[in-house]
Amino acid sequence: MPDVWIGLDANARRRNWWWTGFLTLICAGTAAATALSAPTTERWWWVAGVGVFWLIALFYMVNRGYGRTLLTPNGLKFRTFVSRRSIRWDEITRIEKRRHQARSGEWWDLCAVRVYGRSLTIPGAFASSQWDADLDEQLVVIRGYWSRADDG
């Protein structure tokens, strides 16, 4: 079996950058409104709080947009903006599609459920629609590699 990369295509990465920009505008507007309306003694606390929230959200979105997974005959190799991790196929009990919901919407991603320890989100595999063809194709490819590793 040849190694296969799972990750976002150029259009999905572009959408991720648009949402990152939108979030940045919201945070900048919130910080500006807070700086103009808060009492002078409390102003920097509020602006710093918005700034910290923005940095955390920015880190999450950049990490999510550039994360990828390499499928090998031996297992999964996760590559994100700040980390590297490998998981052998025999450590995985199932690969599933998970739904997440927040006030602003919902999204789906793929998760590797392990025999021991917590389940891990697979970098480079998420979508904002339940019926996303790319996410479903990624799920089929990953499950195919996993089943061939079980058989072999």
C-alpha atoms as a PDB file:
ATOM      1  CA  MET A   1       0.000   0.000   0.000  1.00  0.00           C
ATOM      2  CA  PRO A   2       1.407   3.400  -0.898  1.00  0.00           C
ATOM      3  CA  ASP A   3       1.405   6.184   1.666  1.00  0.00           C
ATOM      4  CA  VAL A   4      -1.517   8.625   1.297  1.00  0.00           C
ATOM      5  CA  TRP A   5      -1.881  12.149   2.683  1.00  0.00           C
ATOM      6  CA  ILE A   6      -5.207  13.279   4.150  1.00  0.00           C
ATOM      7  CA  GLY A   7      -5.622  17.050   4.307  1.00  0.00           C
ATOM      8  CA  LEU A   8      -7.656  20.021   3.219  1.00  0.00           C
ATOM      9  CA  ASP A   9      -7.652  21.001  -0.423  1.00  0.00           C
ATOM     10  CA  ALA A  10      -6.838  24.543  -1.550  1.00  0.00           C
ATOM     11  CA  ASN A  11     -10.498  25.671  -1.508  1.00  0.00           C
ATOM     12  CA  ALA A  12     -11.068  24.406   2.028  1.00  0.00           C
ATOM     13  CA  ARG A  13      -7.873  26.111   3.236  1.00  0.00           C
ATOM     14  CA  ARG A  14      -9.013  29.341   1.555  1.00  0.00           C
ATOM     15  CA  ARG A  15     -12.397  29.120   3.329  1.00  0.00           C
ATOM     16  CA  ASN A  16     -10.560  28.500   6.592  1.00  0.00           C
ATOM     17  CA  TRP A  17      -8.519  31.701   6.023  1.00  0.00           C
ATOM     18  CA  TRP A  18     -11.700  33.677   5.269  1.00  0.00           C
ATOM     19  CA  TRP A  19     -13.221  32.535   8.553  1.00  0.00           C
ATOM     20  CA  THR A  20      -9.965  33.380  10.335  1.00  0.00           C
ATOM     21  CA  GLY A  21     -10.107  36.888   8.859  1.00  0.00           C
ATOM     22  CA  PHE A  22     -13.767  37.243   9.843  1.00  0.00           C
ATOM     23  CA  LEU A  23     -12.946  36.200  13.408  1.00  0.00           C
ATOM     24  CA  THR A  24     -10.067  38.701  13.464  1.00  0.00           C
ATOM     25  CA  LEU A  25     -12.406  41.524  12.385  1.00  0.00           C
ATOM     26  CA  ILE A  26     -14.916  40.599  15.088  1.00  0.00           C
ATOM     27  CA  CYS A  27     -12.204  40.528  17.752  1.00  0.00           C
ATOM     28  CA  ALA A  28     -10.711  43.837  16.555  1.00  0.00           C
ATOM     29  CA  GLY A  29     -14.151  45.471  16.610  1.00  0.00           C
ATOM     30  CA  THR A  30     -14.862  44.094  20.070  1.00  0.00           C
ATOM     31  CA  ALA A  31     -11.490  45.307  21.364  1.00  0.00           C
ATOM     32  CA  ALA A  32     -12.024  48.774  19.852  1.00  0.00           C
ATOM     33  CA  ALA A  33     -15.553  49.066  21.257  1.00  0.00           C
ATOM     34  CA  THR A  34     -14.348  47.926  24.652  1.00  0.00           C
ATOM     35  CA  ALA A  35     -11.414  50.348  24.617  1.00  0.00           C
ATOM     36  CA  LEU A  36     -13.740  53.239  23.805  1.00  0.00           C
ATOM     37  CA  SER A  37     -16.518  52.397  26.257  1.00  0.00           C
ATOM     38  CA  ALA A  38     -14.866  50.814  29.314  1.00  0.00           C
ATOM     39  CA  PRO A  39     -13.747  52.938  32.257  1.00  0.00           C
ATOM     40  CA  THR A  40     -10.087  53.912  32.047  1.00  0.00           C
ATOM     41  CA  THR A  41      -9.049  51.810  35.061  1.00  0.00           C
ATOM     42  CA  GLU A  42     -10.589  48.616  33.654  1.00  0.00           C
ATOM     43  CA  ARG A  43      -9.951  49.157  29.950  1.00  0.00           C
ATOM     44  CA  TRP A  44      -6.722  47.216  29.572  1.00  0.00           C
ATOM     45  CA  TRP A  45      -8.213  44.110  31.287  1.00  0.00           C
ATOM     46  CA  TRP A  46     -10.994  43.929  28.748  1.00  0.00           C
ATOM     47  CA  VAL A  47      -8.789  44.609  25.738  1.00  0.00           C
ATOM     48  CA  ALA A  48      -6.235  42.029  26.967  1.00  0.00           C
ATOM     49  CA  GLY A  49      -9.028  39.464  27.455  1.00  0.00           C
ATOM     50  CA  VAL A  50     -10.260  39.944  23.901  1.00  0.00           C
ATOM     51  CA  GLY A  51      -6.648  39.749  22.661  1.00  0.00           C
ATOM     52  CA  VAL A  52      -6.009  36.465  24.472  1.00  0.00           C
ATOM     53  CA  PHE A  53      -9.255  34.989  23.105  1.00  0.00           C
ATOM     54  CA  TRP A  54      -8.245  36.091  19.595  1.00  0.00           C
ATOM     55  CA  LEU A  55      -4.763  34.518  19.890  1.00  0.00           C
ATOM     56  CA  ILE A  56      -6.210  31.194  21.061  1.00  0.00           C
ATOM     57  CA  ALA A  57      -8.802  31.172  18.273  1.00  0.00           C
ATOM     58  CA  LEU A  58      -6.195  32.167  15.678  1.00  0.00           C
ATOM     59  CA  PHE A  59      -3.861  29.381  16.780  1.00  0.00           C
ATOM     60  CA  TYR A  60      -6.718  26.844  16.627  1.00  0.00           C
ATOM     61  CA  MET A  61      -7.792  27.883  13.135  1.00  0.00           C
ATOM     62  CA  VAL A  62      -4.265  27.943  11.658  1.00  0.00           C
ATOM     63  CA  ASN A  63      -3.478  24.574  13.248  1.00  0.00           C
ATOM     64  CA  ARG A  64      -6.751  23.131  11.913  1.00  0.00           C
ATOM     65  CA  GLY A  65      -6.201  24.524   8.424  1.00  0.00           C
ATOM     66  CA  TYR A  66      -2.687  23.164   7.961  1.00  0.00           C
ATOM     67  CA  GLY A  67      -2.950  19.858   9.824  1.00  0.00           C
ATOM     68  CA  ARG A  68      -2.476  16.710   7.719  1.00  0.00           C
ATOM     69  CA  THR A  69      -2.380  12.972   8.285  1.00  0.00           C
ATOM     70  CA  LEU A  70      -0.159  10.450   6.521  1.00  0.00           C
ATOM     71  CA  LEU A  71      -1.669   6.971   6.127  1.00  0.00           C
ATOM     72  CA  THR A  72       0.986   4.282   6.064  1.00  0.00           C
ATOM     73  CA  PRO A  73       0.776   0.474   6.213  1.00  0.00           C
ATOM     74  CA  ASN A  74       1.911   0.745   9.855  1.00  0.00           C
ATOM     75  CA  GLY A  75      -0.482   3.445  11.077  1.00  0.00           C
ATOM     76  CA  LEU A  76      -1.424   7.109  11.122  1.00  0.00           C
ATOM     77  CA  LYS A  77       1.127   9.920  11.291  1.00  0.00           C
ATOM     78  CA  PHE A  78      -0.366  13.236  12.395  1.00  0.00           C
ATOM     79  CA  ARG A  79       1.297  16.468  11.281  1.00  0.00           C
ATOM     80  CA  THR A  80       0.015  19.757  12.654  1.00  0.00           C
ATOM     81  CA  PHE A  81       1.418  23.254  12.889  1.00  0.00           C
ATOM     82  CA  VAL A  82       3.081  22.498  16.244  1.00  0.00           C
ATOM     83  CA  SER A  83       3.182  18.726  16.739  1.00  0.00           C
ATOM     84  CA  ARG A  84       3.942  15.326  15.247  1.00  0.00           C
ATOM     85  CA  ARG A  85       2.378  12.084  16.425  1.00  0.00           C
ATOM     86  CA  SER A  86       2.154   8.475  15.242  1.00  0.00           C
ATOM     87  CA  ILE A  87      -0.440   5.843  16.083  1.00  0.00           C
ATOM     88  CA  ARG A  88      -0.201   2.197  15.044  1.00  0.00           C
ATOM     89  CA  TRP A  89      -3.260   0.595  13.445  1.00  0.00           C
ATOM     90  CA  ASP A  90      -3.501  -2.035  16.208  1.00  0.00           C
ATOM     91  CA  GLU A  91      -4.053   0.762  18.779  1.00  0.00           C
ATOM     92  CA  ILE A  92      -7.253   1.862  17.010  1.00  0.00           C
ATOM     93  CA  THR A  93     -10.657   0.280  17.695  1.00  0.00           C
ATOM     94  CA  ARG A  94     -12.662   2.358  15.185  1.00  0.00           C
ATOM     95  CA  ILE A  95     -12.611   5.400  12.937  1.00  0.00           C
ATOM     96  CA  GLU A  96     -15.729   7.528  13.236  1.00  0.00           C
ATOM     97  CA  LYS A  97     -17.279  10.745  11.993  1.00  0.00           C
ATOM     98  CA  ARG A  98     -18.179  13.101  14.851  1.00  0.00           C
ATOM     99  CA  ARG A  99     -20.519  16.067  14.955  1.00  0.00           C
ATOM    100  CA  HIS A 100     -19.726  19.195  16.953  1.00  0.00           C
ATOM    101  CA  GLN A 101     -22.228  21.947  17.623  1.00  0.00           C
ATOM    102  CA  ALA A 102     -21.821  25.510  18.856  1.00  0.00           C
ATOM    103  CA  ARG A 103     -23.955  28.621  18.766  1.00  0.00           C
ATOM    104  CA  SER A 104     -22.356  29.718  15.522  1.00  0.00           C
ATOM    105  CA  GLY A 105     -22.957  26.447  13.698  1.00  0.00           C
ATOM    106  CA  GLU A 106     -21.878  22.862  13.478  1.00  0.00           C
ATOM    107  CA  TRP A 107     -19.018  20.923  11.941  1.00  0.00           C
ATOM    108  CA  TRP A 108     -17.911  17.333  11.455  1.00  0.00           C
ATOM    109  CA  ASP A 109     -14.518  15.742  11.765  1.00  0.00           C
ATOM    110  CA  LEU A 110     -12.969  12.285  11.816  1.00  0.00           C
ATOM    111  CA  CYS A 111     -11.747  10.692  15.001  1.00  0.00           C
ATOM    112  CA  ALA A 112      -9.527   7.683  15.746  1.00  0.00           C
ATOM    113  CA  VAL A 113     -10.874   5.874  18.814  1.00  0.00           C
ATOM    114  CA  ARG A 114      -8.025   4.095  20.561  1.00  0.00           C
ATOM    115  CA  VAL A 115      -7.991   0.936  22.679  1.00  0.00           C
ATOM    116  CA  TYR A 116      -6.404   2.819  25.585  1.00  0.00           C
ATOM    117  CA  GLY A 117      -6.421   6.553  26.096  1.00  0.00           C
ATOM    118  CA  ARG A 118      -8.562   9.255  24.629  1.00  0.00           C
ATOM    119  CA  SER A 119      -9.729   9.349  21.056  1.00  0.00           C
ATOM    120  CA  LEU A 120      -7.837  11.668  18.714  1.00  0.00           C
ATOM    121  CA  THR A 121      -9.145  13.996  16.039  1.00  0.00           C
ATOM    122  CA  ILE A 122      -7.549  13.257  12.684  1.00  0.00           C
ATOM    123  CA  PRO A 123      -5.843  16.428  11.366  1.00  0.00           C
ATOM    124  CA  GLY A 124      -6.874  17.556   7.902  1.00  0.00           C
ATOM    125  CA  ALA A 125     -10.288  15.901   7.997  1.00  0.00           C
ATOM    126  CA  PHE A 126     -13.156  18.232   8.869  1.00  0.00           C
ATOM    127  CA  ALA A 127     -16.132  19.786   7.117  1.00  0.00           C
ATOM    128  CA  SER A 128     -18.910  22.256   7.821  1.00  0.00           C
ATOM    129  CA  SER A 129     -21.521  20.064   6.142  1.00  0.00           C
ATOM    130  CA  GLN A 130     -22.664  16.617   7.196  1.00  0.00           C
ATOM    131  CA  TRP A 131     -22.855  15.455   3.581  1.00  0.00           C
ATOM    132  CA  ASP A 132     -19.418  16.675   2.489  1.00  0.00           C
ATOM    133  CA  ALA A 133     -18.132  14.348  -0.264  1.00  0.00           C
ATOM    134  CA  ASP A 134     -14.448  14.974   0.554  1.00  0.00           C
ATOM    135  CA  LEU A 135     -14.902  14.079   4.227  1.00  0.00           C
ATOM    136  CA  ASP A 136     -16.839  10.928   3.336  1.00  0.00           C
ATOM    137  CA  GLU A 137     -14.113   9.937   0.855  1.00  0.00           C
ATOM    138  CA  GLN A 138     -11.425  10.512   3.489  1.00  0.00           C
ATOM    139  CA  LEU A 139     -13.377   8.314   5.920  1.00  0.00           C
ATOM    140  CA  VAL A 140     -13.562   5.503   3.345  1.00  0.00           C
ATOM    141  CA  VAL A 141      -9.829   5.748   2.577  1.00  0.00           C
ATOM    142  CA  ILE A 142      -8.813   5.717   6.253  1.00  0.00           C
ATOM    143  CA  ARG A 143     -11.116   2.798   7.067  1.00  0.00           C
ATOM    144  CA  GLY A 144      -9.723   0.938   4.034  1.00  0.00           C
ATOM    145  CA  TYR A 145      -6.150   1.311   5.287  1.00  0.00           C
ATOM    146  CA  TRP A 146      -7.221   0.295   8.794  1.00  0.00           C
ATOM    147  CA  SER A 147      -9.072  -2.822   7.594  1.00  0.00           C
ATOM    148  CA  ARG A 148      -6.131  -3.912   5.405  1.00  0.00           C
ATOM    149  CA  ALA A 149      -3.815  -3.533   8.390  1.00  0.00           C
ATOM    150  CA  ASP A 150      -6.204  -5.724  10.463  1.00  0.00           C
ATOM    151  CA  ASP A 151      -6.294  -8.368   7.748  1.00  0.00           C
ATOM    152  CA  GLY A 152      -2.511  -8.372   7.264  1.00  0.00           C
END
